[in-house]
Amino acid sequence: MFSKSCQYAIRAVLYLAEHGKEGQCVGVKEITEALEVPGPFLAKLLQQLSRNQLIGSTKGPHGGFCMSPKHLEAPLIMVIECIDGPEVFTSCVLGLPACNAANPCYLHHQSLAYKQGMLKILKDKTIAEVARQVPELR
């Protein structure tokens, strides 16, 4: 459902939620090694998240990315919308341009309930809540 970029961004944000608390910056190298994702690609995603104020960043030799209490309380949906856009929950699961309630594709009605349920969960859960529920981050 989510692009590879979005999956990497979610994983990085959840990693930062556990390892990059306020005042403790985590470098891209540490994140990429821990998550086993491509460094330059992840760096661009983290910069995009930082520009959209979903994570903090510090430049310099001891710089990196971190999370403030404000960042931790943001709903996870904001990360997804920042990377994949809000249409991820309204677009056709088959990628058809004309799929909607009036002109549904074969999977429209079946996927609608799934997408609405997922959207509700992602709006209701904060980054901190989700990070606490992912045991691989500890």
Protein backbone atom coordinates (compact mmCIF):
# COMPACT_ATOMS: atom_id res chain seq x y z
CA MET A 1 0.00 0.00 0.00
CA PHE A 2 2.82 2.42 0.84
CA SER A 3 5.73 3.17 -1.44
CA LYS A 4 9.20 1.91 -0.52
CA SER A 5 10.11 5.54 0.24
CA CYS A 6 7.25 5.77 2.69
CA GLN A 7 8.16 2.47 4.33
CA TYR A 8 11.75 3.68 4.83
CA ALA A 9 10.51 7.01 6.21
CA ILE A 10 8.14 5.32 8.67
CA ARG A 11 10.85 2.97 9.88
CA ALA A 12 13.32 5.86 10.26
CA VAL A 13 10.84 8.00 12.20
CA LEU A 14 10.02 5.10 14.52
CA TYR A 15 13.74 4.47 15.02
CA LEU A 16 14.26 8.14 15.86
CA ALA A 17 11.35 8.01 18.28
CA GLU A 18 13.24 5.39 20.27
CA HIS A 19 16.83 6.56 19.73
CA GLY A 20 16.69 10.27 18.90
CA LYS A 21 14.97 11.88 21.80
CA GLU A 22 15.24 15.63 22.25
CA GLY A 23 18.84 16.67 22.57
CA GLN A 24 20.16 13.39 21.17
CA CYS A 25 20.73 13.58 17.45
CA VAL A 26 21.17 10.42 15.46
CA GLY A 27 23.27 10.47 12.31
CA VAL A 28 22.07 9.11 9.00
CA LYS A 29 24.82 6.50 9.03
CA GLU A 30 23.56 5.01 12.31
CA ILE A 31 19.98 4.93 11.05
CA THR A 32 20.88 3.35 7.71
CA GLU A 33 23.01 0.68 9.39
CA ALA A 34 20.35 -0.13 11.97
CA LEU A 35 17.55 -0.29 9.41
CA GLU A 36 19.64 -1.68 6.54
CA VAL A 37 18.40 0.91 4.04
CA PRO A 38 20.31 2.95 1.40
CA GLY A 39 22.01 5.96 3.03
CA PRO A 40 21.70 8.69 0.36
CA PHE A 41 18.07 7.73 -0.30
CA LEU A 42 17.17 7.80 3.39
CA ALA A 43 19.01 11.11 3.87
CA LYS A 44 16.74 12.75 1.28
CA LEU A 45 13.64 11.35 2.97
CA LEU A 46 14.81 12.59 6.38
CA GLN A 47 15.48 16.04 4.93
CA GLN A 48 11.97 16.09 3.49
CA LEU A 49 10.52 15.13 6.88
CA SER A 50 12.64 17.82 8.55
CA ARG A 51 11.53 20.50 6.06
CA ASN A 52 7.93 19.56 6.91
CA GLN A 53 8.75 19.81 10.64
CA LEU A 54 7.97 16.16 11.37
CA ILE A 55 11.47 15.58 12.80
CA GLY A 56 14.23 17.86 14.03
CA SER A 57 17.65 18.22 12.47
CA THR A 58 21.00 19.68 13.42
CA LYS A 59 23.88 20.40 11.07
CA GLY A 60 27.54 19.93 11.81
CA PRO A 61 29.92 17.17 12.85
CA HIS A 62 27.68 16.07 15.73
CA GLY A 63 24.48 16.76 13.81
CA GLY A 64 21.77 14.44 12.74
CA PHE A 65 18.08 13.97 13.28
CA CYS A 66 16.03 13.91 16.46
CA MET A 67 12.53 14.01 17.88
CA SER A 68 11.03 16.55 20.24
CA PRO A 69 7.95 15.87 22.38
CA LYS A 70 5.93 17.75 19.74
CA HIS A 71 7.23 15.45 17.00
CA LEU A 72 6.49 12.35 19.07
CA GLU A 73 2.88 13.38 19.57
CA ALA A 74 2.20 13.85 15.84
CA PRO A 75 -0.05 11.22 14.29
CA LEU A 76 1.77 8.72 12.10
CA ILE A 77 -0.47 9.66 9.16
CA MET A 78 1.50 12.90 8.81
CA VAL A 79 4.65 10.98 7.86
CA ILE A 80 2.74 8.99 5.25
CA GLU A 81 1.10 12.07 3.77
CA CYS A 82 4.45 13.88 3.69
CA ILE A 83 6.08 11.13 1.62
CA ASP A 84 3.27 9.49 -0.40
CA GLY A 85 0.69 12.28 -0.32
CA PRO A 86 -2.87 12.20 1.00
CA GLU A 87 -4.16 10.41 -2.11
CA VAL A 88 -2.65 7.12 -0.90
CA PHE A 89 -5.98 6.47 0.87
CA THR A 90 -8.23 7.68 -1.93
CA SER A 91 -6.50 6.35 -5.04
CA CYS A 92 -7.46 3.11 -6.75
CA VAL A 93 -5.69 0.02 -5.42
CA LEU A 94 -5.21 -1.13 -9.02
CA GLY A 95 -3.89 2.26 -10.08
CA LEU A 96 -6.78 3.02 -12.40
CA PRO A 97 -7.31 6.76 -12.97
CA ALA A 98 -11.13 6.65 -13.17
CA CYS A 99 -11.93 4.49 -10.15
CA ASN A 100 -14.43 6.02 -7.69
CA ALA A 101 -17.75 5.22 -6.01
CA ALA A 102 -19.68 6.03 -9.19
CA ASN A 103 -17.29 4.09 -11.43
CA PRO A 104 -15.64 1.47 -9.18
CA CYS A 105 -12.98 -1.04 -10.21
CA TYR A 106 -13.33 -4.69 -9.28
CA LEU A 107 -11.61 -4.20 -5.89
CA HIS A 108 -12.95 -0.75 -5.02
CA HIS A 109 -15.57 -1.72 -2.43
CA GLN A 110 -13.43 -4.43 -0.81
CA SER A 111 -10.43 -2.12 -0.45
CA LEU A 112 -12.46 0.88 0.71
CA ALA A 113 -13.18 -0.59 4.15
CA TYR A 114 -9.54 -1.60 4.55
CA LYS A 115 -8.25 1.85 3.58
CA GLN A 116 -10.74 3.63 5.84
CA GLY A 117 -9.81 1.38 8.78
CA MET A 118 -6.09 1.91 8.19
CA LEU A 119 -6.60 5.67 7.87
CA LYS A 120 -8.44 5.80 11.21
CA ILE A 121 -5.67 3.87 12.98
CA LEU A 122 -2.94 6.07 11.51
CA LYS A 123 -4.79 9.26 12.47
CA ASP A 124 -5.42 8.02 16.01
CA LYS A 125 -1.93 6.66 16.79
CA THR A 126 0.95 8.98 17.56
CA ILE A 127 4.50 8.29 16.45
CA ALA A 128 5.44 7.60 20.08
CA GLU A 129 2.60 5.09 20.53
CA VAL A 130 3.52 3.15 17.41
CA ALA A 131 7.23 3.20 18.26
CA ARG A 132 6.52 1.68 21.68
CA GLN A 133 4.67 -1.19 19.99
CA VAL A 134 7.51 -2.16 17.63
CA PRO A 135 9.82 -4.50 19.60
CA GLU A 136 12.59 -4.44 16.94
CA LEU A 137 13.33 -0.81 17.82
CA ARG A 138 14.50 -1.63 21.34
